[in-house]
Amino acid sequence: MTIKAINVRNQFKGTIKEIVEGPVLSEIDVQTAAGIVTSVITTRSVRELELGVGSEVIAFVKSTEVSIAKL
């Protein structure tokens, strides 16, 4: 599957703002036009993808449920 095959509404292009690296999992904050999107991926993937603060990335969002609360 290519990036183009994924629904555009589920993609957020941005820049990595912060990486909190753990021994197994890492938290990645991506600054997008819609705000910050946070992803938790394996630390191994962070290293293999050579991700760092300032890297340009696309965050893909997949959800099976969306909840709404009235403000």
PDB file of N, CA and C in Angstrom:
ATOM      1  N   MET A   1       0.845  -1.172   0.000  1.00  0.00           N
ATOM      2  CA  MET A   1       0.000   0.000   0.000  1.00  0.00           C
ATOM      3  C   MET A   1       0.891   1.237   0.000  1.00  0.00           C
ATOM      4  N   THR A   2       0.545   2.229  -0.791  1.00  0.00           N
ATOM      5  CA  THR A   2       1.300   3.473  -0.828  1.00  0.00           C
ATOM      6  C   THR A   2       0.604   4.523   0.027  1.00  0.00           C
ATOM      7  N   ILE A   3       1.323   5.585   0.331  1.00  0.00           N
ATOM      8  CA  ILE A   3       0.730   6.672   1.111  1.00  0.00           C
ATOM      9  C   ILE A   3      -0.479   7.252   0.400  1.00  0.00           C
ATOM     10  N   LYS A   4      -0.458   7.326  -0.921  1.00  0.00           N
ATOM     11  CA  LYS A   4      -1.567   7.895  -1.683  1.00  0.00           C
ATOM     12  C   LYS A   4      -2.842   7.058  -1.559  1.00  0.00           C
ATOM     13  N   ALA A   5      -2.707   5.775  -1.226  1.00  0.00           N
ATOM     14  CA  ALA A   5      -3.869   4.893  -1.124  1.00  0.00           C
ATOM     15  C   ALA A   5      -4.636   5.088   0.176  1.00  0.00           C
ATOM     16  N   ILE A   6      -4.072   5.842   1.114  1.00  0.00           N
ATOM     17  CA  ILE A   6      -4.725   6.075   2.401  1.00  0.00           C
ATOM     18  C   ILE A   6      -5.547   7.353   2.316  1.00  0.00           C
ATOM     19  N   ASN A   7      -6.731   7.340   2.915  1.00  0.00           N
ATOM     20  CA  ASN A   7      -7.644   8.467   2.884  1.00  0.00           C
ATOM     21  C   ASN A   7      -6.945   9.742   3.369  1.00  0.00           C
ATOM     22  N   VAL A   8      -7.049  10.809   2.604  1.00  0.00           N
ATOM     23  CA  VAL A   8      -6.397  12.076   2.932  1.00  0.00           C
ATOM     24  C   VAL A   8      -6.900  12.643   4.254  1.00  0.00           C
ATOM     25  N   ARG A   9      -8.155  12.416   4.601  1.00  0.00           N
ATOM     26  CA  ARG A   9      -8.710  12.946   5.852  1.00  0.00           C
ATOM     27  C   ARG A   9      -8.028  12.344   7.072  1.00  0.00           C
ATOM     28  N   ASN A  10      -7.337  11.239   6.911  1.00  0.00           N
ATOM     29  CA  ASN A  10      -6.682  10.576   8.034  1.00  0.00           C
ATOM     30  C   ASN A  10      -5.179  10.838   8.079  1.00  0.00           C
ATOM     31  N   GLN A  11      -4.727  11.857   7.354  1.00  0.00           N
ATOM     32  CA  GLN A  11      -3.306  12.182   7.291  1.00  0.00           C
ATOM     33  C   GLN A  11      -3.078  13.610   7.783  1.00  0.00           C
ATOM     34  N   PHE A  12      -2.049  13.764   8.609  1.00  0.00           N
ATOM     35  CA  PHE A  12      -1.693  15.084   9.099  1.00  0.00           C
ATOM     36  C   PHE A  12      -0.194  15.290   8.880  1.00  0.00           C
ATOM     37  N   LYS A  13       0.155  16.167   7.941  1.00  0.00           N
ATOM     38  CA  LYS A  13       1.559  16.459   7.669  1.00  0.00           C
ATOM     39  C   LYS A  13       2.065  17.424   8.730  1.00  0.00           C
ATOM     40  N   GLY A  14       3.255  17.163   9.233  1.00  0.00           N
ATOM     41  CA  GLY A  14       3.783  18.048  10.258  1.00  0.00           C
ATOM     42  C   GLY A  14       5.253  17.827  10.514  1.00  0.00           C
ATOM     43  N   THR A  15       5.703  18.449  11.591  1.00  0.00           N
ATOM     44  CA  THR A  15       7.104  18.398  11.997  1.00  0.00           C
ATOM     45  C   THR A  15       7.187  17.887  13.426  1.00  0.00           C
ATOM     46  N   ILE A  16       8.129  17.000  13.678  1.00  0.00           N
ATOM     47  CA  ILE A  16       8.284  16.472  15.031  1.00  0.00           C
ATOM     48  C   ILE A  16       8.751  17.591  15.951  1.00  0.00           C
ATOM     49  N   LYS A  17       7.973  17.803  17.018  1.00  0.00           N
ATOM     50  CA  LYS A  17       8.260  18.851  17.985  1.00  0.00           C
ATOM     51  C   LYS A  17       9.030  18.308  19.183  1.00  0.00           C
ATOM     52  N   GLU A  18       8.690  17.070  19.596  1.00  0.00           N
ATOM     53  CA  GLU A  18       9.347  16.486  20.765  1.00  0.00           C
ATOM     54  C   GLU A  18       9.301  14.969  20.684  1.00  0.00           C
ATOM     55  N   ILE A  19      10.340  14.325  21.183  1.00  0.00           N
ATOM     56  CA  ILE A  19      10.388  12.872  21.304  1.00  0.00           C
ATOM     57  C   ILE A  19      10.746  12.535  22.748  1.00  0.00           C
ATOM     58  N   VAL A  20       9.882  11.756  23.386  1.00  0.00           N
ATOM     59  CA  VAL A  20      10.168  11.261  24.729  1.00  0.00           C
ATOM     60  C   VAL A  20      10.477   9.782  24.557  1.00  0.00           C
ATOM     61  N   GLU A  21      11.765   9.462  24.609  1.00  0.00           N
ATOM     62  CA  GLU A  21      12.219   8.109  24.298  1.00  0.00           C
ATOM     63  C   GLU A  21      12.275   7.250  25.553  1.00  0.00           C
ATOM     64  N   GLY A  22      11.688   6.063  25.464  1.00  0.00           N
ATOM     65  CA  GLY A  22      11.749   5.094  26.542  1.00  0.00           C
ATOM     66  C   GLY A  22      12.522   3.877  26.083  1.00  0.00           C
ATOM     67  N   PRO A  23      12.713   2.895  26.971  1.00  0.00           N
ATOM     68  CA  PRO A  23      13.481   1.714  26.596  1.00  0.00           C
ATOM     69  C   PRO A  23      12.800   0.873  25.512  1.00  0.00           C
ATOM     70  N   VAL A  24      11.465   0.875  25.482  1.00  0.00           N
ATOM     71  CA  VAL A  24      10.731   0.072  24.494  1.00  0.00           C
ATOM     72  C   VAL A  24       9.845   0.944  23.615  1.00  0.00           C
ATOM     73  N   LEU A  25       9.118   1.886  24.220  1.00  0.00           N
ATOM     74  CA  LEU A  25       8.198   2.757  23.491  1.00  0.00           C
ATOM     75  C   LEU A  25       8.641   4.209  23.588  1.00  0.00           C
ATOM     76  N   SER A  26       8.317   4.973  22.556  1.00  0.00           N
ATOM     77  CA  SER A  26       8.621   6.400  22.536  1.00  0.00           C
ATOM     78  C   SER A  26       7.366   7.178  22.172  1.00  0.00           C
ATOM     79  N   GLU A  27       7.250   8.374  22.749  1.00  0.00           N
ATOM     80  CA  GLU A  27       6.126   9.269  22.469  1.00  0.00           C
ATOM     81  C   GLU A  27       6.621  10.353  21.519  1.00  0.00           C
ATOM     82  N   ILE A  28       5.916  10.504  20.413  1.00  0.00           N
ATOM     83  CA  ILE A  28       6.299  11.465  19.377  1.00  0.00           C
ATOM     84  C   ILE A  28       5.217  12.535  19.283  1.00  0.00           C
ATOM     85  N   ASP A  29       5.587  13.806  19.486  1.00  0.00           N
ATOM     86  CA  ASP A  29       4.659  14.925  19.310  1.00  0.00           C
ATOM     87  C   ASP A  29       4.928  15.552  17.955  1.00  0.00           C
ATOM     88  N   VAL A  30       3.886  15.594  17.129  1.00  0.00           N
ATOM     89  CA  VAL A  30       3.997  16.156  15.783  1.00  0.00           C
ATOM     90  C   VAL A  30       3.158  17.427  15.705  1.00  0.00           C
ATOM     91  N   GLN A  31       3.791  18.540  15.364  1.00  0.00           N
ATOM     92  CA  GLN A  31       3.081  19.809  15.188  1.00  0.00           C
ATOM     93  C   GLN A  31       2.482  19.822  13.787  1.00  0.00           C
ATOM     94  N   THR A  32       1.161  19.901  13.707  1.00  0.00           N
ATOM     95  CA  THR A  32       0.459  19.949  12.423  1.00  0.00           C
ATOM     96  C   THR A  32      -0.352  21.237  12.353  1.00  0.00           C
ATOM     97  N   ALA A  33      -0.920  21.502  11.200  1.00  0.00           N
ATOM     98  CA  ALA A  33      -1.781  22.681  11.045  1.00  0.00           C
ATOM     99  C   ALA A  33      -3.014  22.577  11.941  1.00  0.00           C
ATOM    100  N   ALA A  34      -3.428  21.358  12.266  1.00  0.00           N
ATOM    101  CA  ALA A  34      -4.597  21.139  13.117  1.00  0.00           C
ATOM    102  C   ALA A  34      -4.249  21.135  14.600  1.00  0.00           C
ATOM    103  N   GLY A  35      -2.966  21.204  14.939  1.00  0.00           N
ATOM    104  CA  GLY A  35      -2.518  21.137  16.323  1.00  0.00           C
ATOM    105  C   GLY A  35      -1.532  19.999  16.494  1.00  0.00           C
ATOM    106  N   ILE A  36      -1.240  19.676  17.739  1.00  0.00           N
ATOM    107  CA  ILE A  36      -0.264  18.619  18.014  1.00  0.00           C
ATOM    108  C   ILE A  36      -0.946  17.261  17.974  1.00  0.00           C
ATOM    109  N   VAL A  37      -0.340  16.342  17.230  1.00  0.00           N
ATOM    110  CA  VAL A  37      -0.781  14.949  17.176  1.00  0.00           C
ATOM    111  C   VAL A  37       0.318  14.136  17.865  1.00  0.00           C
ATOM    112  N   THR A  38      -0.088  13.302  18.825  1.00  0.00           N
ATOM    113  CA  THR A  38       0.877  12.493  19.561  1.00  0.00           C
ATOM    114  C   THR A  38       0.736  11.036  19.168  1.00  0.00           C
ATOM    115  N   SER A  39       1.866  10.395  18.937  1.00  0.00           N
ATOM    116  CA  SER A  39       1.895   8.986  18.574  1.00  0.00           C
ATOM    117  C   SER A  39       2.841   8.244  19.506  1.00  0.00           C
ATOM    118  N   VAL A  40       2.496   7.016  19.843  1.00  0.00           N
ATOM    119  CA  VAL A  40       3.389   6.161  20.612  1.00  0.00           C
ATOM    120  C   VAL A  40       3.813   5.028  19.692  1.00  0.00           C
ATOM    121  N   ILE A  41       5.121   4.949  19.423  1.00  0.00           N
ATOM    122  CA  ILE A  41       5.670   3.907  18.561  1.00  0.00           C
ATOM    123  C   ILE A  41       6.865   3.275  19.272  1.00  0.00           C
ATOM    124  N   THR A  42       7.346   2.185  18.738  1.00  0.00           N
ATOM    125  CA  THR A  42       8.499   1.537  19.366  1.00  0.00           C
ATOM    126  C   THR A  42       9.742   2.414  19.210  1.00  0.00           C
ATOM    127  N   THR A  43      10.586   2.360  20.206  1.00  0.00           N
ATOM    128  CA  THR A  43      11.845   3.098  20.158  1.00  0.00           C
ATOM    129  C   THR A  43      12.707   2.574  19.014  1.00  0.00           C
ATOM    130  N   ARG A  44      12.602   1.292  18.746  1.00  0.00           N
ATOM    131  CA  ARG A  44      13.328   0.706  17.612  1.00  0.00           C
ATOM    132  C   ARG A  44      12.918   1.380  16.306  1.00  0.00           C
ATOM    133  N   SER A  45      11.607   1.633  16.125  1.00  0.00           N
ATOM    134  CA  SER A  45      11.123   2.300  14.912  1.00  0.00           C
ATOM    135  C   SER A  45      11.637   3.732  14.826  1.00  0.00           C
ATOM    136  N   VAL A  46      11.716   4.421  15.961  1.00  0.00           N
ATOM    137  CA  VAL A  46      12.266   5.786  15.970  1.00  0.00           C
ATOM    138  C   VAL A  46      13.679   5.767  15.407  1.00  0.00           C
ATOM    139  N   ARG A  47      14.460   4.800  15.849  1.00  0.00           N
ATOM    140  CA  ARG A  47      15.862   4.708  15.391  1.00  0.00           C
ATOM    141  C   ARG A  47      15.961   4.280  13.931  1.00  0.00           C
ATOM    142  N   GLU A  48      15.160   3.267  13.547  1.00  0.00           N
ATOM    143  CA  GLU A  48      15.215   2.771  12.164  1.00  0.00           C
ATOM    144  C   GLU A  48      14.748   3.820  11.158  1.00  0.00           C
ATOM    145  N   LEU A  49      13.754   4.639  11.549  1.00  0.00           N
ATOM    146  CA  LEU A  49      13.262   5.696  10.671  1.00  0.00           C
ATOM    147  C   LEU A  49      14.110   6.965  10.767  1.00  0.00           C
ATOM    148  N   GLU A  50      15.097   6.935  11.683  1.00  0.00           N
ATOM    149  CA  GLU A  50      15.974   8.084  11.905  1.00  0.00           C
ATOM    150  C   GLU A  50      15.177   9.350  12.204  1.00  0.00           C
ATOM    151  N   LEU A  51      14.187   9.215  13.101  1.00  0.00           N
ATOM    152  CA  LEU A  51      13.348  10.346  13.466  1.00  0.00           C
ATOM    153  C   LEU A  51      14.056  11.216  14.490  1.00  0.00           C
ATOM    154  N   GLY A  52      13.858  12.506  14.366  1.00  0.00           N
ATOM    155  CA  GLY A  52      14.424  13.455  15.314  1.00  0.00           C
ATOM    156  C   GLY A  52      13.581  14.714  15.324  1.00  0.00           C
ATOM    157  N   VAL A  53      13.804  15.549  16.322  1.00  0.00           N
ATOM    158  CA  VAL A  53      13.102  16.829  16.380  1.00  0.00           C
ATOM    159  C   VAL A  53      13.409  17.590  15.097  1.00  0.00           C
ATOM    160  N   GLY A  54      12.364  18.093  14.460  1.00  0.00           N
ATOM    161  CA  GLY A  54      12.513  18.821  13.196  1.00  0.00           C
ATOM    162  C   GLY A  54      12.252  17.976  11.965  1.00  0.00           C
ATOM    163  N   SER A  55      12.185  16.644  12.132  1.00  0.00           N
ATOM    164  CA  SER A  55      11.891  15.773  10.986  1.00  0.00           C
ATOM    165  C   SER A  55      10.475  16.041  10.481  1.00  0.00           C
ATOM    166  N   GLU A  56      10.321  16.118   9.169  1.00  0.00           N
ATOM    167  CA  GLU A  56       8.997  16.261   8.572  1.00  0.00           C
ATOM    168  C   GLU A  56       8.395  14.874   8.412  1.00  0.00           C
ATOM    169  N   VAL A  57       7.159  14.710   8.878  1.00  0.00           N
ATOM    170  CA  VAL A  57       6.495  13.409   8.863  1.00  0.00           C
ATOM    171  C   VAL A  57       5.026  13.567   8.501  1.00  0.00           C
ATOM    172  N   ILE A  58       4.382  12.441   8.282  1.00  0.00           N
ATOM    173  CA  ILE A  58       2.932  12.397   8.133  1.00  0.00           C
ATOM    174  C   ILE A  58       2.407  11.487   9.225  1.00  0.00           C
ATOM    175  N   ALA A  59       1.468  11.998  10.011  1.00  0.00           N
ATOM    176  CA  ALA A  59       0.821  11.195  11.045  1.00  0.00           C
ATOM    177  C   ALA A  59      -0.452  10.616  10.440  1.00  0.00           C
ATOM    178  N   PHE A  60      -0.603   9.303  10.529  1.00  0.00           N
ATOM    179  CA  PHE A  60      -1.793   8.629  10.026  1.00  0.00           C
ATOM    180  C   PHE A  60      -2.675   8.267  11.204  1.00  0.00           C
ATOM    181  N   VAL A  61      -3.957   8.576  11.102  1.00  0.00           N
ATOM    182  CA  VAL A  61      -4.887   8.328  12.199  1.00  0.00           C
ATOM    183  C   VAL A  61      -5.908   7.297  11.766  1.00  0.00           C
ATOM    184  N   LYS A  62      -6.067   6.259  12.591  1.00  0.00           N
ATOM    185  CA  LYS A  62      -7.088   5.244  12.332  1.00  0.00           C
ATOM    186  C   LYS A  62      -7.869   5.071  13.626  1.00  0.00           C
ATOM    187  N   SER A  63      -9.162   5.137  13.529  1.00  0.00           N
ATOM    188  CA  SER A  63      -9.981   5.025  14.721  1.00  0.00           C
ATOM    189  C   SER A  63     -11.210   4.177  14.438  1.00  0.00           C
ATOM    190  N   THR A  64     -11.557   3.356  15.396  1.00  0.00           N
ATOM    191  CA  THR A  64     -12.778   2.561  15.251  1.00  0.00           C
ATOM    192  C   THR A  64     -13.918   3.178  16.033  1.00  0.00           C
ATOM    193  N   GLU A  65     -13.619   4.194  16.832  1.00  0.00           N
ATOM    194  CA  GLU A  65     -14.654   4.839  17.621  1.00  0.00           C
ATOM    195  C   GLU A  65     -14.289   6.287  17.881  1.00  0.00           C
ATOM    196  N   VAL A  66     -15.270   7.169  17.778  1.00  0.00           N
ATOM    197  CA  VAL A  66     -15.083   8.566  18.108  1.00  0.00           C
ATOM    198  C   VAL A  66     -16.159   8.957  19.108  1.00  0.00           C
ATOM    199  N   SER A  67     -15.739   9.496  20.236  1.00  0.00           N
ATOM    200  CA  SER A  67     -16.683   9.926  21.261  1.00  0.00           C
ATOM    201  C   SER A  67     -16.768  11.443  21.245  1.00  0.00           C
ATOM    202  N   ILE A  68     -17.947  11.969  21.583  1.00  0.00           N
ATOM    203  CA  ILE A  68     -18.164  13.413  21.599  1.00  0.00           C
ATOM    204  C   ILE A  68     -18.752  13.794  22.938  1.00  0.00           C
ATOM    205  N   ALA A  69     -18.226  14.862  23.525  1.00  0.00           N
ATOM    206  CA  ALA A  69     -18.762  15.398  24.780  1.00  0.00           C
ATOM    207  C   ALA A  69     -19.108  16.856  24.559  1.00  0.00           C
ATOM    208  N   LYS A  70     -20.258  17.266  25.084  1.00  0.00           N
ATOM    209  CA  LYS A  70     -20.677  18.653  24.960  1.00  0.00           C
ATOM    210  C   LYS A  70     -19.872  19.515  25.910  1.00  0.00           C
ATOM    211  N   LEU A  71     -19.394  20.656  25.422  1.00  0.00           N
ATOM    212  CA  LEU A  71     -18.610  21.584  26.266  1.00  0.00           C
ATOM    213  C   LEU A  71     -19.510  22.533  26.984  1.00  0.00           C
TER     214      LEU A  71
END
